[in-house]
Structures are given as C-alpha cells and as structure tokens.
Amino acid sequence: MANVLLFNKPFRVLSQFTDSEGRDTLASYVKEKGVYAAGRLDYDSEGLLLLTNDGNVQHQLAHPKFKMEKTYWVQVEGEISDEALNMLRKGVELKDGMTRPAKARAMPEPEIWPRNPPIRERKNQSTSWVEIKISEGRNRQVRRMTAAVGFPTLRLIRYAIGQWTLDGINQGEFKKAQINLPAPKRPSRSGANRSGKRAQQQRRSGPRR
C-alpha cells in the first residue's frame, strides 16, 4: 500500500522541490521525506497536486494512458456562452491537434480562498466560472481550450483528480491518503502450459517454411 499526499498548491508555486531561479517550491510546504509529484500543475495554476513515495503509483496517476479524469474550476473573461460550452464538449482544435471531448458546464463562483495577488479585472468586462473535466494532460491545455472558444482563462484551480478532491484541504496544506493498486496480471498456468507445449512441438518439427 502506497502513501499519497493530497496537496492544495498555491498560485506561483512550482510542482517540484528545488529551483535554480529561487522561485517558491513544494519544499516550503511539504516536509515529508521521499515523496515526489505525480504529474504536474502549472506555476500559475492552483489546486490539487498528488505526491507519492511509490514509482508505480506515480506512473498510474500521471500517465495519460490511464485516462484519470481531472476536474478544473476555471474563471474566464466574459459570461461563458452555451455555444462555447458545446464547443468544449465536442473537442477543440488546438495547435497540437483536436482535444478529446470535455465535460463542461457553467457554475456559480465557488467559495474558495482569495488569490494572492488577485486577478486583473477590467471594469467593463464581467467574468464567469466554468467546470471543465478532461482526461488528457497536454501542456496548459485548459487555458488553451478556453482561449480557443473565445473566453481566456483568468484563474485556474484543479479541484479533483479521479476520486480525490480539494475538500477539507486549506491552501498550502496537505492531507494523507492511501491507494491500493490492482496486482499485475500474470499468465494463467494453463496458458503457460499451452505456450510451453507449442514451443516443444516447434522444436521437434523444425522451422516452418
């Protein structure tokens, strides 16, 4: 059983423990030994980041082939339209190709911590919030998706990864969780015996032509 830390990453904190440029890192918040981030969260994004002490768990949590759904709360410039939401749901054409269809809905402003520093708001431009769920992990994907449908992202918070959420975790803090991975599949004894018999028969009969 592996240990997993659910960390609520603040704005402008790197998803790593060291930085040659002197920027804020995980080392300022996480004192647990032997853990490292399972995946990444951009420097200018906030919210849920998973850390673990197990390489196999890290691979399963971070690798795109496992398609673990991630939920984002996104504050965008302007009042999000039904047309833009439908475009997100169908998939958006980006420079690196078409995205998979996302789950997208307008949502009320969540009750969350204030960002420091706050977002830049224009006096004559309203903002709105969108919940977006994706199972991909392209570079800055959510920001590029909202920009592509005409609503640039102002603030981005990752609320959930798979079964885990930010619930009960203050900004800059973490809580411990555990995960049980299924045991790797092994060939059945009967399958192994059949393979062995076929190999013996081929050796006896010689190479096929």
Protein backbone atom coordinates (compact mmCIF):
# COMPACT_ATOMS: atom_id res chain seq x y z
CA MET A 1 0.00 0.00 0.00
CA ALA A 2 1.48 3.34 -1.09
CA ASN A 3 1.21 6.68 0.62
CA VAL A 4 -0.35 9.56 -1.29
CA LEU A 5 -0.40 13.21 -0.25
CA LEU A 6 -3.19 15.49 -1.45
CA PHE A 7 -1.67 18.98 -1.60
CA ASN A 8 -3.51 22.23 -2.27
CA LYS A 9 -0.89 24.08 -4.31
CA PRO A 10 -0.94 27.87 -4.08
CA PHE A 11 -0.54 30.24 -7.02
CA ARG A 12 3.05 30.70 -8.22
CA VAL A 13 4.50 27.59 -6.58
CA LEU A 14 6.47 25.10 -8.67
CA SER A 15 5.43 21.44 -8.67
CA GLN A 16 8.93 20.39 -7.61
CA PHE A 17 11.18 20.65 -4.57
CA THR A 18 14.09 22.69 -5.96
CA ASP A 19 14.54 25.62 -8.33
CA SER A 20 17.72 27.29 -9.56
CA GLU A 21 15.89 30.60 -10.07
CA GLY A 22 14.77 30.98 -6.46
CA ARG A 23 11.05 30.56 -7.10
CA ASP A 24 8.76 29.09 -4.45
CA THR A 25 8.64 25.28 -4.48
CA LEU A 26 6.98 22.36 -2.72
CA ALA A 27 9.82 22.39 -0.19
CA SER A 28 8.20 25.39 1.52
CA TYR A 29 5.04 23.38 2.27
CA VAL A 30 5.73 19.63 2.23
CA LYS A 31 8.22 18.28 4.78
CA GLU A 32 7.51 14.59 4.16
CA LYS A 33 10.58 12.67 3.02
CA GLY A 34 10.77 10.55 -0.13
CA VAL A 35 7.68 11.86 -1.92
CA TYR A 36 7.50 13.49 -5.32
CA ALA A 37 4.78 14.89 -7.54
CA ALA A 38 2.65 12.50 -9.57
CA GLY A 39 2.11 14.74 -12.58
CA ARG A 40 2.38 18.50 -12.64
CA LEU A 41 0.34 21.62 -12.09
CA ASP A 42 1.45 24.84 -13.76
CA TYR A 43 3.27 27.52 -11.78
CA ASP A 44 0.37 29.94 -12.30
CA SER A 45 -2.37 27.39 -11.52
CA GLU A 46 -3.73 26.42 -8.13
CA GLY A 47 -5.29 23.40 -6.52
CA LEU A 48 -4.89 19.67 -6.18
CA LEU A 49 -1.49 18.09 -6.70
CA LEU A 50 -0.82 14.46 -5.76
CA LEU A 51 2.52 13.36 -4.30
CA THR A 52 3.59 9.78 -3.61
CA ASN A 53 6.52 7.68 -2.44
CA ASP A 54 5.81 4.87 -4.92
CA GLY A 55 7.03 4.88 -8.53
CA ASN A 56 4.33 2.53 -9.79
CA VAL A 57 1.62 4.68 -8.26
CA GLN A 58 3.24 7.79 -9.72
CA HIS A 59 3.14 6.21 -13.17
CA GLN A 60 -0.52 5.20 -12.89
CA LEU A 61 -1.60 8.59 -11.56
CA ALA A 62 0.35 10.65 -14.08
CA HIS A 63 0.41 8.68 -17.34
CA PRO A 64 -2.21 9.77 -19.94
CA LYS A 65 -2.95 6.17 -20.99
CA PHE A 66 -4.80 5.59 -17.70
CA LYS A 67 -7.18 8.47 -18.57
CA MET A 68 -7.69 9.60 -14.99
CA GLU A 69 -10.28 12.37 -15.11
CA LYS A 70 -9.27 15.78 -13.78
CA THR A 71 -11.77 18.46 -12.75
CA TYR A 72 -10.93 22.16 -13.08
CA TRP A 73 -12.70 25.26 -11.83
CA VAL A 74 -11.95 28.00 -14.32
CA GLN A 75 -12.63 31.71 -14.06
CA VAL A 76 -12.86 33.14 -17.56
CA GLU A 77 -13.16 36.58 -19.06
CA GLY A 78 -16.76 37.28 -20.05
CA GLU A 79 -20.02 35.41 -19.48
CA ILE A 80 -19.47 31.91 -20.85
CA SER A 81 -21.94 31.12 -23.64
CA ASP A 82 -23.82 27.91 -24.42
CA GLU A 83 -22.09 27.86 -27.80
CA ALA A 84 -18.65 27.90 -26.17
CA LEU A 85 -19.64 25.15 -23.73
CA ASN A 86 -20.86 22.99 -26.62
CA MET A 87 -17.56 23.52 -28.44
CA LEU A 88 -15.65 22.34 -25.36
CA ARG A 89 -17.92 19.28 -25.13
CA LYS A 90 -17.26 18.33 -28.75
CA GLY A 91 -13.50 18.91 -28.65
CA VAL A 92 -11.43 21.93 -29.58
CA GLU A 93 -8.86 22.27 -32.35
CA LEU A 94 -5.50 23.34 -30.86
CA LYS A 95 -2.09 23.74 -32.49
CA ASP A 96 -1.17 20.21 -31.38
CA GLY A 97 -4.40 18.67 -32.62
CA MET A 98 -8.00 18.10 -31.61
CA THR A 99 -8.75 17.62 -27.92
CA ARG A 100 -10.95 14.85 -26.64
CA PRO A 101 -14.49 15.91 -25.79
CA ALA A 102 -14.60 17.55 -22.36
CA LYS A 103 -17.35 17.74 -19.79
CA ALA A 104 -18.13 21.43 -19.39
CA ARG A 105 -20.77 23.40 -17.53
CA ALA A 106 -21.26 26.90 -16.20
CA MET A 107 -21.03 27.05 -12.41
CA PRO A 108 -21.55 29.65 -9.68
CA GLU A 109 -18.47 31.27 -8.20
CA PRO A 110 -17.03 28.75 -5.71
CA GLU A 111 -16.41 29.61 -2.07
CA ILE A 112 -12.62 29.48 -2.10
CA TRP A 113 -9.59 31.32 -0.83
CA PRO A 114 -8.66 34.69 -2.38
CA ARG A 115 -5.78 34.55 -4.82
CA ASN A 116 -2.63 36.45 -3.95
CA PRO A 117 -2.15 38.55 -6.00
CA PRO A 118 -5.75 38.85 -7.25
CA ILE A 119 -6.60 38.50 -10.92
CA ARG A 120 -6.61 41.57 -13.13
CA GLU A 121 -10.19 42.55 -13.82
CA ARG A 122 -11.34 45.11 -16.36
CA LYS A 123 -14.04 47.49 -15.16
CA ASN A 124 -16.26 46.98 -18.19
CA GLN A 125 -15.67 43.21 -18.55
CA SER A 126 -17.53 40.65 -16.44
CA THR A 127 -16.14 37.22 -15.53
CA SER A 128 -17.73 33.81 -15.06
CA TRP A 129 -16.85 30.34 -13.80
CA VAL A 130 -16.79 27.06 -15.71
CA GLU A 131 -16.24 23.49 -14.53
CA ILE A 132 -14.21 21.51 -17.06
CA LYS A 133 -13.39 17.81 -16.82
CA ILE A 134 -10.75 16.27 -19.07
CA SER A 135 -8.74 13.04 -19.18
CA GLU A 136 -5.77 14.41 -21.14
CA GLY A 137 -2.66 16.17 -19.92
CA ARG A 138 -1.36 18.45 -22.66
CA ASN A 139 0.71 21.48 -21.76
CA ARG A 140 -1.55 24.28 -20.47
CA GLN A 141 -4.47 22.51 -22.11
CA VAL A 142 -7.40 24.03 -20.23
CA ARG A 143 -6.12 27.57 -20.75
CA ARG A 144 -5.69 26.94 -24.45
CA MET A 145 -9.13 25.38 -24.73
CA THR A 146 -10.98 28.30 -23.16
CA ALA A 147 -8.98 30.79 -25.26
CA ALA A 148 -9.82 28.82 -28.41
CA VAL A 149 -13.56 29.22 -27.76
CA GLY A 150 -13.21 32.94 -27.05
CA PHE A 151 -13.06 33.05 -23.23
CA PRO A 152 -9.50 33.48 -21.91
CA THR A 153 -8.72 31.93 -18.53
CA LEU A 154 -8.11 34.34 -15.67
CA ARG A 155 -7.81 31.84 -12.83
CA LEU A 156 -7.39 28.07 -12.90
CA ILE A 157 -7.96 25.72 -9.97
CA ARG A 158 -7.70 21.94 -10.19
CA TYR A 159 -10.44 20.66 -7.90
CA ALA A 160 -10.22 16.90 -8.39
CA ILE A 161 -8.07 14.10 -9.78
CA GLY A 162 -10.02 10.87 -10.11
CA GLN A 163 -11.52 10.07 -6.71
CA TRP A 164 -9.57 12.74 -4.80
CA THR A 165 -10.72 16.34 -4.28
CA LEU A 166 -9.66 19.52 -2.50
CA ASP A 167 -12.43 19.17 0.06
CA GLY A 168 -11.14 19.88 3.56
CA ILE A 169 -7.65 20.97 2.45
CA ASN A 170 -6.65 24.58 3.04
CA GLN A 171 -4.40 26.36 0.58
CA GLY A 172 -0.75 25.44 1.10
CA GLU A 173 -1.64 22.37 3.20
CA PHE A 174 -1.97 18.65 2.53
CA LYS A 175 -3.57 15.54 3.91
CA LYS A 176 -2.59 11.89 3.62
CA ALA A 177 -4.48 9.26 1.67
CA GLN A 178 -3.82 5.69 0.63
CA ILE A 179 -4.29 3.80 -2.61
CA ASN A 180 -4.44 0.11 -3.43
CA LEU A 181 -3.32 -0.76 -6.93
CA PRO A 182 -4.55 -3.95 -8.58
CA ALA A 183 -1.90 -6.68 -8.76
CA PRO A 184 -0.27 -7.03 -12.19
CA LYS A 185 -1.87 -9.72 -14.33
CA ARG A 186 0.10 -12.91 -14.76
CA PRO A 187 -0.42 -15.53 -17.44
CA SER A 188 -2.57 -18.44 -16.24
CA ARG A 189 -0.96 -21.79 -15.57
CA SER A 190 -2.95 -23.41 -18.36
CA GLY A 191 -1.92 -20.65 -20.77
CA ALA A 192 1.72 -21.05 -19.79
CA ASN A 193 1.48 -24.84 -20.29
CA ARG A 194 -0.05 -24.42 -23.74
CA SER A 195 2.71 -22.00 -24.74
CA GLY A 196 5.36 -24.42 -23.49
CA LYS A 197 3.85 -27.34 -25.40
CA ARG A 198 3.68 -25.32 -28.63
CA ALA A 199 7.34 -24.36 -28.26
CA GLN A 200 8.33 -28.02 -27.73
CA GLN A 201 6.36 -29.13 -30.80
CA GLN A 202 8.00 -26.45 -32.96
CA ARG A 203 11.47 -27.51 -31.80
CA ARG A 204 10.69 -31.16 -32.65
CA SER A 205 9.23 -30.44 -36.08
CA GLY A 206 11.89 -27.90 -37.05
CA PRO A 207 11.36 -24.48 -38.59
CA ARG A 208 8.36 -23.88 -40.80
CA ARG A 209 8.94 -22.81 -44.41
